[in-house]
């Protein structure tokens, strides 16, 4: 019998704060979406409230945070961004040994210089290795088109791949290899609106 991989719904974007009036989205509204685990989302580091919001939501709902995503900031030293983000998570005891930290490389701000873009994310990766003790807990979140164009399809298959394709299909059947990754780790296959926030639906055979 084939075991079906779980479909996870992860709250993302700007914490679970309402963007309009800074109030919290009711837990009941979130649970109606089928939220099972929480993907922490931290922008190094404009505000610690977002990271705290994920942590508080995890405690309230009894759902674990299975990983953290860090968005690069082009106007900030990549190593400093990592130092601040990881330093905060460790200081608040929000980073556990079973969590993966993903570099969110989906954004379009990198520009057309592949050499510069590659160096930027590699510096983030190198700094993460120093804090996490190796590549086993490091991943990258991206889209095939963006990685191919902005990173010139840099080979990075030694870390985990979280790819995005909103085709509403919780399967890896659509995956075509890029960046050297033969097998993805996670797929974001859909996104829905809850109040003023968005919930990403994620497929992963590794979360059992």
Protein backbone atom coordinates (compact mmCIF):
# COMPACT_ATOMS: atom_id res chain seq x y z
CA UNK A 1 0.00 0.00 0.00
CA UNK A 2 1.36 3.42 -0.94
CA UNK A 3 1.49 5.88 1.93
CA UNK A 4 0.26 9.31 0.96
CA UNK A 5 2.56 12.15 1.88
CA UNK A 6 0.99 14.77 4.11
CA UNK A 7 -0.17 18.06 2.67
CA UNK A 8 0.87 20.91 4.91
CA UNK A 9 -0.57 24.37 5.11
CA UNK A 10 1.95 26.95 6.25
CA UNK A 11 1.19 30.49 7.31
CA UNK A 12 3.62 32.87 5.64
CA UNK A 13 4.19 36.46 4.48
CA UNK A 14 4.30 38.79 7.52
CA UNK A 15 3.60 36.69 10.56
CA UNK A 16 -0.01 36.17 11.55
CA UNK A 17 -0.53 39.89 12.08
CA UNK A 18 -3.28 41.61 10.16
CA UNK A 19 -1.55 43.93 7.69
CA UNK A 20 -4.33 46.50 7.93
CA UNK A 21 -4.75 47.02 11.66
CA UNK A 22 -1.97 44.89 13.23
CA UNK A 23 -4.46 42.62 14.99
CA UNK A 24 -4.07 38.87 15.16
CA UNK A 25 -5.95 36.55 12.85
CA UNK A 26 -8.20 34.33 15.00
CA UNK A 27 -6.83 30.84 15.48
CA UNK A 28 -10.22 29.44 14.44
CA UNK A 29 -9.94 31.05 11.02
CA UNK A 30 -6.51 29.55 10.52
CA UNK A 31 -7.49 26.08 11.61
CA UNK A 32 -10.36 26.04 9.11
CA UNK A 33 -7.75 26.09 6.33
CA UNK A 34 -6.31 22.77 7.51
CA UNK A 35 -3.19 24.26 9.07
CA UNK A 36 -1.05 21.36 10.28
CA UNK A 37 2.42 22.75 10.75
CA UNK A 38 3.95 26.20 10.67
CA UNK A 39 6.68 27.51 8.43
CA UNK A 40 8.36 30.41 10.19
CA UNK A 41 9.14 33.40 8.02
CA UNK A 42 11.71 35.97 9.08
CA UNK A 43 13.07 38.99 7.25
CA UNK A 44 16.45 39.80 8.78
CA UNK A 45 15.71 41.67 10.81
CA UNK A 46 13.34 44.62 10.49
CA UNK A 47 11.13 43.52 13.32
CA UNK A 48 11.32 40.66 15.77
CA UNK A 49 7.55 40.71 16.15
CA UNK A 50 7.04 38.50 13.10
CA UNK A 51 9.29 35.75 14.42
CA UNK A 52 7.60 36.00 17.80
CA UNK A 53 4.21 35.81 16.10
CA UNK A 54 5.07 32.47 14.52
CA UNK A 55 6.39 31.17 17.81
CA UNK A 56 3.26 32.30 19.67
CA UNK A 57 1.03 30.76 17.00
CA UNK A 58 2.93 27.49 17.30
CA UNK A 59 2.39 27.42 21.06
CA UNK A 60 -1.31 28.37 20.83
CA UNK A 61 -2.16 25.79 18.19
CA UNK A 62 0.19 23.05 19.38
CA UNK A 63 1.64 22.83 15.87
CA UNK A 64 5.42 22.64 15.37
CA UNK A 65 7.48 25.09 13.37
CA UNK A 66 9.18 22.83 10.84
CA UNK A 67 11.58 25.42 9.48
CA UNK A 68 12.52 29.05 8.99
CA UNK A 69 12.84 31.02 5.78
CA UNK A 70 15.16 33.98 5.52
CA UNK A 71 14.63 36.59 2.82
CA UNK A 72 17.82 38.25 1.54
CA UNK A 73 18.02 42.03 1.61
CA UNK A 74 20.01 43.45 -1.28
CA UNK A 75 20.98 46.58 0.67
CA UNK A 76 22.40 44.58 3.57
CA UNK A 77 25.52 42.47 3.92
CA UNK A 78 24.33 38.86 3.45
CA UNK A 79 26.47 37.57 6.32
CA UNK A 80 25.15 40.21 8.70
CA UNK A 81 21.58 39.34 7.72
CA UNK A 82 22.19 35.72 8.68
CA UNK A 83 24.00 36.64 11.88
CA UNK A 84 21.12 38.81 13.03
CA UNK A 85 18.37 36.36 12.08
CA UNK A 86 20.00 33.23 13.50
CA UNK A 87 21.29 35.12 16.52
CA UNK A 88 17.78 36.26 17.36
CA UNK A 89 16.24 32.81 16.89
CA UNK A 90 18.88 31.17 19.06
CA UNK A 91 18.65 33.84 21.75
CA UNK A 92 14.89 33.30 21.98
CA UNK A 93 15.33 29.50 21.80
CA UNK A 94 13.15 29.38 18.68
CA UNK A 95 15.63 27.41 16.55
CA UNK A 96 15.67 23.67 17.17
CA UNK A 97 18.02 21.00 15.86
CA UNK A 98 15.38 19.39 13.65
CA UNK A 99 14.48 22.60 11.78
CA UNK A 100 15.78 23.50 8.34
CA UNK A 101 16.66 27.09 7.47
CA UNK A 102 15.82 28.04 3.88
CA UNK A 103 17.26 30.94 1.90
CA UNK A 104 14.26 32.43 0.12
CA UNK A 105 15.60 33.09 -3.38
CA UNK A 106 12.31 33.71 -5.19
CA UNK A 107 12.40 37.47 -5.23
CA UNK A 108 13.13 39.43 -8.37
CA UNK A 109 15.52 41.95 -6.80
CA UNK A 110 18.73 40.10 -7.66
CA UNK A 111 19.10 41.65 -11.11
CA UNK A 112 20.79 40.16 -14.16
CA UNK A 113 24.35 39.71 -12.88
CA UNK A 114 24.58 35.98 -12.20
CA UNK A 115 28.07 36.20 -10.74
CA UNK A 116 26.98 38.83 -8.23
CA UNK A 117 23.78 36.97 -7.41
CA UNK A 118 25.60 33.68 -6.89
CA UNK A 119 28.15 35.30 -4.61
CA UNK A 120 25.37 36.87 -2.53
CA UNK A 121 23.53 33.61 -1.81
CA UNK A 122 26.77 31.67 -1.34
CA UNK A 123 27.80 34.14 1.36
CA UNK A 124 24.46 33.58 3.07
CA UNK A 125 25.01 29.84 2.81
CA UNK A 126 28.56 30.01 4.17
CA UNK A 127 27.38 32.00 7.17
CA UNK A 128 24.52 29.57 7.79
CA UNK A 129 26.99 26.68 7.78
CA UNK A 130 28.97 28.34 10.53
CA UNK A 131 25.85 28.67 12.68
CA UNK A 132 24.20 25.33 11.87
CA UNK A 133 27.27 23.10 11.66
CA UNK A 134 27.02 22.01 8.03
CA UNK A 135 24.72 21.81 4.99
CA UNK A 136 22.32 19.18 6.35
CA UNK A 137 19.91 21.77 7.79
CA UNK A 138 20.18 24.31 4.97
CA UNK A 139 17.90 24.69 1.96
CA UNK A 140 16.86 27.14 -0.73
CA UNK A 141 13.36 28.14 -1.82
CA UNK A 142 13.04 29.20 -5.44
CA UNK A 143 11.31 28.81 -8.79
CA UNK A 144 12.93 27.09 -11.75
CA UNK A 145 12.65 30.14 -14.03
CA UNK A 146 14.17 32.48 -11.45
CA UNK A 147 17.02 30.14 -10.55
CA UNK A 148 17.82 29.51 -14.21
CA UNK A 149 17.80 33.18 -15.16
CA UNK A 150 19.12 34.98 -12.09
CA UNK A 151 21.56 32.34 -10.84
CA UNK A 152 22.47 30.98 -14.30
CA UNK A 153 21.29 27.58 -13.08
CA UNK A 154 24.06 27.34 -10.47
CA UNK A 155 24.50 23.77 -9.25
CA UNK A 156 23.48 23.61 -5.59
CA UNK A 157 22.20 20.10 -5.16
CA UNK A 158 24.15 19.57 -1.93
CA UNK A 159 21.36 21.38 -0.04
CA UNK A 160 17.59 20.91 0.09
CA UNK A 161 15.32 22.34 -2.61
CA UNK A 162 11.92 23.87 -1.90
CA UNK A 163 10.42 24.74 -5.28
CA UNK A 164 7.30 26.71 -6.11
CA UNK A 165 4.69 25.76 -8.70
CA UNK A 166 1.11 26.81 -7.95
CA UNK A 167 -0.53 24.11 -10.07
CA UNK A 168 -2.74 22.97 -7.16
CA UNK A 169 -1.28 19.44 -7.36
CA UNK A 170 0.26 17.94 -4.19
CA UNK A 171 2.80 15.82 -6.06
CA UNK A 172 6.35 16.05 -7.43
CA UNK A 173 5.14 14.74 -10.80
CA UNK A 174 5.58 18.15 -12.43
CA UNK A 175 9.20 18.57 -11.34
CA UNK A 176 11.90 18.93 -14.00
CA UNK A 177 15.51 19.07 -12.88
CA UNK A 178 17.38 22.34 -12.47
CA UNK A 179 20.31 23.51 -10.37
CA UNK A 180 21.54 19.93 -10.17
CA UNK A 181 18.62 18.87 -7.94
CA UNK A 182 17.42 15.43 -9.00
CA UNK A 183 14.83 15.24 -6.24
CA UNK A 184 13.11 18.18 -4.48
CA UNK A 185 12.57 18.30 -0.74
CA UNK A 186 9.41 20.43 -0.63
CA UNK A 187 6.90 21.84 -3.10
CA UNK A 188 4.63 24.84 -2.60
CA UNK A 189 1.66 23.99 -4.81
CA UNK A 190 -1.06 26.48 -3.87
CA UNK A 191 -1.81 29.65 -1.95
CA UNK A 192 -5.08 30.87 -0.45
CA UNK A 193 -6.17 34.01 1.35
CA UNK A 194 -7.15 33.95 5.03
CA UNK A 195 -8.34 37.34 6.23
CA UNK A 196 -5.55 39.65 5.05
CA UNK A 197 -2.83 37.00 5.06
CA UNK A 198 -1.89 34.18 2.73
CA UNK A 199 -1.56 30.49 3.52
CA UNK A 200 0.79 28.41 1.38
CA UNK A 201 -0.05 24.78 0.77
CA UNK A 202 3.04 22.62 0.82
CA UNK A 203 3.73 19.04 -0.25
CA UNK A 204 6.62 17.14 1.29
CA UNK A 205 7.23 13.40 1.50
CA UNK A 206 9.75 14.02 4.27
CA UNK A 207 7.29 15.35 6.84
CA UNK A 208 5.69 12.16 8.10
